[in-house]
Amino acid sequence: MQNSQINKKDLIKLVKNLKDDSKASPIIYFYLKNEEIRKANFEPNALKSLRDEFVNLLMSALEDERAEIRDYSEFVDGKYVIHRYDYDDEIDAIKQMSEVQNINRSFQPFHSKNDNPKDIKYILFLLRNESYSLLIFSSMAPVSIFKGRHNFFAFNDDEVIKQYDKALIQIKPKIDMFKFGYKLNDKNQDDLFILNVDSIEKRLNLPDIIFKRTQSYINDIVRIQILNDENLLRECLMDDLRLAKRLNAAMHNSHVLQYVPSDKIVDFVREHQNVCRLKCDNNKIKLTHKENVEQFINLINDNFLHSLLTGCNYLVSHKDQV
């Protein structure tokens, strides 16, 4: 995945250009639980309605003044954060679903005789023209299929009320993530943005990718030999997604381990034990329980600041460099 420098303002402009292009016809696919893809042949009016629903929903999310685009590796929480996926590791299911963007691929239609609406895992909404490509991923919530022995459904056709005895596909348009393809500095970009992080982490193999990165970072920490118990660090981090994400963000963003010699880090902890809430033993930082691991992550993330104005020391979770 290439790192993109596109900002929110430019992204809104490009998506709007695609939205306003009347020649950009949408195509919808279903990604099934068995990892197969089916083309959903909606009739024109329904397809137009879904086009309006999905694109307007995306524009609403992007144009919200509270929305901000942040790299996923920062692990910034927030209802209005749009996470740009910046890991090199590809997410298997997303790679499979993105095959609908391949103009040389064709897919079998979703057919009532062979396919079951209960097997739909994701709705894939594709809209593109010669310049841009938008692929929206919308997870299918468990639905009640309105069909059964104890129900009678009917619909009004002019003056006649007819029985409806087929399975209905209930679609509630929402956006878990989207890919946007465009050109930046004469290079083709295809960026993935995640809106619903909780859903993606539960449904896809994102935790595996996070823990893989965590393991690599733990190895980096072990190499500088500043801890008395490396096993405790592994046990706590490789069994707790929240902690693993915190460590990954700290290692990605902080310069502590990169620029500060290991003996200086240990000296800092020894001199500021009350602030760090950590202790040293034989020139090693002492880890005895999970809370120590939390404090060690604070240390790596350089969360201990000294006020030039008051002389007070602070523990902070967010910093803006000046």
Protein backbone atom coordinates (compact mmCIF):
# COMPACT_ATOMS: atom_id res chain seq x y z
CA MET A 1 0.00 0.00 0.00
CA GLN A 2 1.54 3.27 -1.05
CA ASN A 3 1.48 6.17 1.32
CA SER A 4 -0.63 8.93 -0.11
CA GLN A 5 -0.32 12.62 0.62
CA ILE A 6 -3.85 13.45 -0.45
CA ASN A 7 -5.60 15.68 2.07
CA LYS A 8 -9.23 15.86 3.05
CA LYS A 9 -9.99 18.90 0.88
CA ASP A 10 -8.56 17.30 -2.27
CA LEU A 11 -10.26 13.98 -1.55
CA ILE A 12 -13.65 15.71 -1.26
CA LYS A 13 -13.04 17.49 -4.56
CA LEU A 14 -12.12 14.28 -6.39
CA VAL A 15 -15.02 12.27 -4.98
CA LYS A 16 -17.40 15.08 -5.89
CA ASN A 17 -16.06 15.12 -9.46
CA LEU A 18 -16.80 11.41 -9.73
CA LYS A 19 -20.23 11.84 -8.12
CA ASP A 20 -21.20 14.56 -10.61
CA ASP A 21 -20.11 12.55 -13.63
CA SER A 22 -23.36 11.25 -15.13
CA LYS A 23 -21.39 8.78 -17.26
CA ALA A 24 -19.98 7.05 -14.18
CA SER A 25 -22.32 4.08 -13.86
CA PRO A 26 -22.30 2.08 -10.63
CA ILE A 27 -21.87 -1.68 -10.37
CA ILE A 28 -22.74 -3.63 -7.23
CA TYR A 29 -21.30 -6.95 -6.15
CA PHE A 30 -21.91 -9.28 -3.22
CA TYR A 31 -18.96 -10.80 -1.37
CA LEU A 32 -20.16 -14.08 0.12
CA LYS A 33 -19.15 -15.92 3.26
CA ASN A 34 -17.44 -18.58 1.15
CA GLU A 35 -15.21 -15.80 -0.27
CA GLU A 36 -16.83 -15.90 -3.70
CA ILE A 37 -18.06 -12.77 -5.47
CA ARG A 38 -21.37 -12.37 -7.29
CA LYS A 39 -22.52 -9.52 -9.51
CA ALA A 40 -25.78 -8.03 -8.24
CA ASN A 41 -27.93 -7.17 -11.24
CA PHE A 42 -30.15 -4.46 -9.80
CA GLU A 43 -32.74 -2.94 -12.07
CA PRO A 44 -31.86 0.65 -13.15
CA ASN A 45 -34.07 2.58 -10.72
CA ALA A 46 -32.86 0.57 -7.73
CA LEU A 47 -29.25 0.97 -8.87
CA LYS A 48 -29.66 4.74 -9.12
CA SER A 49 -31.17 4.88 -5.64
CA LEU A 50 -28.28 2.90 -4.19
CA ARG A 51 -25.80 5.12 -6.05
CA ASP A 52 -27.31 8.20 -4.46
CA GLU A 53 -27.43 6.59 -1.00
CA PHE A 54 -23.82 5.40 -0.93
CA VAL A 55 -22.20 8.43 -2.56
CA ASN A 56 -24.18 10.95 -0.48
CA LEU A 57 -23.32 8.98 2.66
CA LEU A 58 -19.63 9.18 1.81
CA MET A 59 -19.78 12.88 0.97
CA SER A 60 -21.53 13.54 4.26
CA ALA A 61 -18.77 11.76 6.18
CA LEU A 62 -16.00 13.59 4.31
CA GLU A 63 -17.58 17.05 4.45
CA ASP A 64 -18.25 16.92 8.19
CA GLU A 65 -16.08 19.70 9.63
CA ARG A 66 -15.15 17.42 12.54
CA ALA A 67 -13.76 14.74 10.23
CA GLU A 68 -9.99 14.34 9.89
CA ILE A 69 -7.82 11.94 7.94
CA ARG A 70 -5.17 10.18 10.03
CA ASP A 71 -2.86 7.28 9.27
CA TYR A 72 -4.17 4.00 10.63
CA SER A 73 -0.81 3.25 12.27
CA GLU A 74 -1.37 6.20 14.62
CA PHE A 75 -4.37 4.35 16.11
CA VAL A 76 -6.20 7.58 16.88
CA ASP A 77 -9.64 6.91 18.30
CA GLY A 78 -12.58 9.10 17.45
CA LYS A 79 -16.00 9.00 15.86
CA TYR A 80 -14.96 11.38 13.08
CA VAL A 81 -11.51 9.99 12.30
CA ILE A 82 -11.05 8.63 8.78
CA HIS A 83 -8.19 6.13 8.97
CA ARG A 84 -5.91 5.92 5.95
CA TYR A 85 -4.51 2.39 5.89
CA ASP A 86 -0.73 2.82 5.73
CA TYR A 87 0.55 -0.67 6.57
CA ASP A 88 2.51 -2.52 3.88
CA ASP A 89 0.71 -5.78 4.68
CA GLU A 90 -2.35 -6.35 2.53
CA ILE A 91 -5.60 -7.45 4.14
CA ASP A 92 -6.49 -10.76 2.46
CA ALA A 93 -10.25 -10.23 2.23
CA ILE A 94 -9.85 -6.69 0.90
CA LYS A 95 -7.42 -7.95 -1.71
CA GLN A 96 -10.00 -10.53 -2.79
CA MET A 97 -12.88 -8.06 -2.83
CA SER A 98 -10.83 -5.52 -4.78
CA GLU A 99 -10.79 -7.92 -7.72
CA VAL A 100 -14.05 -6.27 -8.80
CA GLN A 101 -11.89 -3.31 -9.88
CA ASN A 102 -10.16 -5.51 -12.45
CA ILE A 103 -11.83 -4.69 -15.75
CA ASN A 104 -10.67 -8.03 -17.15
CA ARG A 105 -12.53 -10.04 -14.52
CA SER A 106 -16.12 -11.18 -14.83
CA PHE A 107 -18.33 -12.61 -12.10
CA GLN A 108 -21.35 -14.86 -12.04
CA PRO A 109 -24.63 -13.06 -11.22
CA PHE A 110 -26.26 -13.50 -7.84
CA HIS A 111 -29.06 -15.99 -8.56
CA SER A 112 -32.00 -16.92 -6.34
CA LYS A 113 -31.68 -20.59 -7.31
CA ASN A 114 -28.02 -20.93 -6.37
CA ASP A 115 -27.32 -18.19 -3.82
CA ASN A 116 -28.76 -17.34 -0.42
CA PRO A 117 -29.09 -13.73 0.81
CA LYS A 118 -27.99 -14.94 4.26
CA ASP A 119 -24.57 -15.68 2.77
CA ILE A 120 -23.85 -12.07 1.79
CA LYS A 121 -20.96 -10.75 3.90
CA TYR A 122 -20.17 -7.47 2.14
CA ILE A 123 -21.86 -5.25 -0.41
CA LEU A 124 -19.29 -3.84 -2.82
CA PHE A 125 -20.28 -0.60 -4.53
CA LEU A 126 -18.07 0.34 -7.47
CA LEU A 127 -18.21 3.68 -9.27
CA ARG A 128 -15.57 4.80 -11.73
CA ASN A 129 -14.78 6.82 -14.81
CA GLU A 130 -11.62 7.37 -16.84
CA SER A 131 -9.95 9.36 -14.04
CA TYR A 132 -11.19 8.02 -10.71
CA SER A 133 -12.34 4.82 -9.07
CA LEU A 134 -14.42 4.50 -5.90
CA LEU A 135 -15.02 1.16 -4.20
CA ILE A 136 -17.18 1.18 -1.08
CA PHE A 137 -17.23 -1.78 1.31
CA SER A 138 -20.44 -2.15 3.32
CA SER A 139 -20.72 -5.07 5.73
CA MET A 140 -24.00 -6.91 5.67
CA ALA A 141 -25.53 -7.08 9.12
CA PRO A 142 -27.40 -10.26 10.07
CA VAL A 143 -30.80 -9.86 8.45
CA SER A 144 -34.18 -11.40 8.88
CA ILE A 145 -35.20 -12.99 5.62
CA PHE A 146 -38.90 -12.30 5.31
CA LYS A 147 -39.93 -15.76 4.35
CA GLY A 148 -41.29 -18.69 6.31
CA ARG A 149 -44.14 -21.04 6.99
CA HIS A 150 -45.75 -18.85 9.64
CA ASN A 151 -45.66 -15.55 7.75
CA PHE A 152 -47.82 -14.22 4.96
CA PHE A 153 -46.48 -11.24 3.03
CA ALA A 154 -48.31 -9.33 0.34
CA PHE A 155 -47.94 -6.24 -1.79
CA ASN A 156 -50.44 -3.99 -3.50
CA ASP A 157 -50.39 -4.10 -7.33
CA ASP A 158 -52.95 -1.50 -8.48
CA GLU A 159 -56.23 -2.84 -7.15
CA VAL A 160 -54.97 -6.37 -6.59
CA ILE A 161 -53.16 -7.55 -3.45
CA LYS A 162 -50.68 -10.25 -4.36
CA GLN A 163 -48.77 -12.68 -2.21
CA TYR A 164 -45.01 -12.14 -1.98
CA ASP A 165 -43.27 -15.44 -1.31
CA LYS A 166 -39.64 -14.70 -2.19
CA ALA A 167 -36.71 -13.91 0.11
CA LEU A 168 -36.06 -10.18 0.49
CA ILE A 169 -32.55 -8.73 0.64
CA GLN A 170 -32.50 -6.01 3.27
CA ILE A 171 -29.83 -3.37 2.58
CA LYS A 172 -29.03 -0.60 5.03
CA PRO A 173 -26.45 1.60 3.28
CA LYS A 174 -23.41 2.25 5.47
CA ILE A 175 -19.71 2.53 4.83
CA ASP A 176 -17.13 0.48 6.70
CA MET A 177 -14.28 1.46 4.38
CA PHE A 178 -13.62 2.67 0.86
CA LYS A 179 -10.85 2.65 -1.71
CA PHE A 180 -10.27 5.63 -3.93
CA GLY A 181 -8.13 5.46 -7.05
CA TYR A 182 -6.65 8.60 -8.57
CA LYS A 183 -3.43 10.09 -9.89
CA LEU A 184 -1.00 12.02 -7.70
CA ASN A 185 2.20 13.47 -9.17
CA ASP A 186 1.66 11.36 -12.29
CA LYS A 187 1.49 8.17 -10.22
CA ASN A 188 -1.55 5.95 -9.84
CA GLN A 189 -2.76 5.76 -6.24
CA ASP A 190 -5.35 3.43 -4.77
CA ASP A 191 -5.80 4.39 -1.14
CA LEU A 192 -7.84 2.51 1.44
CA PHE A 193 -9.72 4.52 4.05
CA ILE A 194 -11.39 2.92 7.07
CA LEU A 195 -14.42 4.54 8.69
CA ASN A 196 -15.59 1.72 10.95
CA VAL A 197 -12.42 0.37 12.55
CA ASP A 198 -14.20 -1.86 15.09
CA SER A 199 -16.15 -3.65 12.37
CA ILE A 200 -13.09 -4.20 10.17
CA GLU A 201 -10.95 -5.46 13.04
CA LYS A 202 -13.65 -7.94 14.06
CA ARG A 203 -14.53 -9.21 10.59
CA LEU A 204 -11.16 -9.28 8.81
CA ASN A 205 -7.62 -10.39 9.63
CA LEU A 206 -6.47 -6.92 10.69
CA PRO A 207 -5.53 -8.05 14.24
CA ASP A 208 -3.13 -10.60 12.72
CA ILE A 209 -1.39 -7.80 10.84
CA ILE A 210 -1.25 -5.65 13.98
CA PHE A 211 0.22 -8.46 16.11
CA LYS A 212 2.76 -9.23 13.37
CA ARG A 213 3.97 -5.63 13.57
CA THR A 214 3.92 -5.80 17.37
CA GLN A 215 6.17 -8.88 17.34
CA SER A 216 8.66 -7.04 15.15
CA TYR A 217 8.67 -4.05 17.51
CA ILE A 218 9.14 -6.30 20.54
CA ASN A 219 12.21 -7.78 18.87
CA ASP A 220 13.56 -4.23 18.40
CA ILE A 221 13.06 -3.53 22.10
CA VAL A 222 14.68 -6.82 23.15
CA ARG A 223 17.79 -5.99 21.10
CA ILE A 224 18.60 -2.88 23.14
CA GLN A 225 18.44 -4.89 26.41
CA ILE A 226 16.80 -2.37 28.73
CA LEU A 227 14.18 -4.68 30.31
CA ASN A 228 14.52 -7.21 33.09
CA ASP A 229 11.64 -9.38 31.84
CA GLU A 230 11.09 -9.55 28.11
CA ASN A 231 8.73 -12.52 28.44
CA LEU A 232 6.21 -10.45 30.41
CA LEU A 233 6.28 -7.83 27.67
CA ARG A 234 5.50 -10.48 25.05
CA GLU A 235 2.76 -12.11 27.12
CA CYS A 236 0.94 -8.83 27.76
CA LEU A 237 1.23 -7.43 24.25
CA MET A 238 0.56 -10.53 22.17
CA ASP A 239 -2.66 -11.23 24.08
CA ASP A 240 -4.15 -7.74 24.14
CA LEU A 241 -5.07 -5.95 20.90
CA ARG A 242 -5.52 -2.59 22.64
CA LEU A 243 -2.04 -2.74 24.17
CA ALA A 244 -0.52 -4.00 20.92
CA LYS A 245 -2.00 -1.02 19.06
CA ARG A 246 -0.65 1.36 21.70
CA LEU A 247 2.86 -0.06 21.38
CA ASN A 248 2.72 0.04 17.57
CA ALA A 249 1.64 3.66 17.58
CA ALA A 250 4.34 4.59 20.10
CA MET A 251 7.09 2.84 18.14
CA HIS A 252 5.85 4.36 14.87
CA ASN A 253 5.63 7.91 16.15
CA SER A 254 8.28 8.24 18.87
CA HIS A 255 11.98 9.01 18.59
CA VAL A 256 12.89 7.73 22.07
CA LEU A 257 14.36 4.36 21.11
CA GLN A 258 15.71 5.73 17.86
CA TYR A 259 17.71 8.65 19.22
CA VAL A 260 18.13 8.19 22.97
CA PRO A 261 20.88 5.77 24.13
CA SER A 262 19.60 2.88 26.21
CA ASP A 263 21.62 3.88 29.30
CA LYS A 264 20.10 7.38 29.17
CA ILE A 265 16.59 5.85 29.06
CA VAL A 266 17.33 3.75 32.15
CA ASP A 267 18.86 6.77 33.92
CA PHE A 268 15.73 8.79 33.18
CA VAL A 269 13.51 6.12 34.72
CA ARG A 270 15.78 5.87 37.79
CA GLU A 271 15.72 9.64 38.32
CA HIS A 272 11.98 10.02 37.69
CA GLN A 273 10.47 6.86 39.18
CA ASN A 274 7.48 8.72 40.62
CA VAL A 275 6.67 10.25 37.27
CA CYS A 276 7.27 7.15 35.16
CA ARG A 277 5.79 4.79 37.76
CA LEU A 278 8.54 2.38 36.83
CA LYS A 279 11.56 1.09 38.75
CA CYS A 280 15.02 -0.08 37.78
CA ASP A 281 16.92 -3.17 38.86
CA ASN A 282 20.56 -3.80 37.88
CA ASN A 283 20.49 -1.16 35.15
CA LYS A 284 17.33 -2.62 33.65
CA ILE A 285 13.78 -1.31 33.68
CA LYS A 286 11.76 -3.59 35.91
CA LEU A 287 8.50 -5.05 34.62
CA THR A 288 6.49 -7.07 37.12
CA HIS A 289 2.87 -6.74 35.97
CA LYS A 290 0.68 -5.49 33.14
CA GLU A 291 0.43 -1.95 34.50
CA ASN A 292 4.23 -1.67 34.13
CA VAL A 293 3.85 -2.52 30.44
CA GLU A 294 1.35 0.34 30.09
CA GLN A 295 3.84 2.71 31.75
CA PHE A 296 6.68 1.43 29.59
CA ILE A 297 4.64 2.29 26.48
CA ASN A 298 4.16 5.80 27.91
CA LEU A 299 7.93 6.00 28.23
CA ILE A 300 8.53 4.90 24.63
CA ASN A 301 5.94 7.39 23.44
CA ASP A 302 7.69 10.21 25.31
CA ASN A 303 4.53 11.03 27.24
CA PHE A 304 6.41 12.67 30.12
CA LEU A 305 6.77 16.41 29.62
CA HIS A 306 8.30 19.21 31.66
CA SER A 307 6.62 22.62 31.62
CA LEU A 308 9.01 25.48 30.91
CA LEU A 309 6.49 27.87 32.44
CA THR A 310 5.65 26.22 35.76
CA GLY A 311 8.44 23.68 36.13
CA CYS A 312 5.85 20.95 36.63
CA ASN A 313 6.05 17.46 35.10
CA TYR A 314 3.09 16.08 33.17
CA LEU A 315 1.88 12.80 31.72
CA VAL A 316 0.19 13.56 28.40
CA SER A 317 -1.45 11.35 25.79
CA HIS A 318 -1.30 13.80 22.86
CA LYS A 319 1.45 16.17 21.75
CA ASP A 320 1.76 18.74 18.99
CA GLN A 321 5.40 19.49 18.20
CA VAL A 322 6.36 23.17 18.20
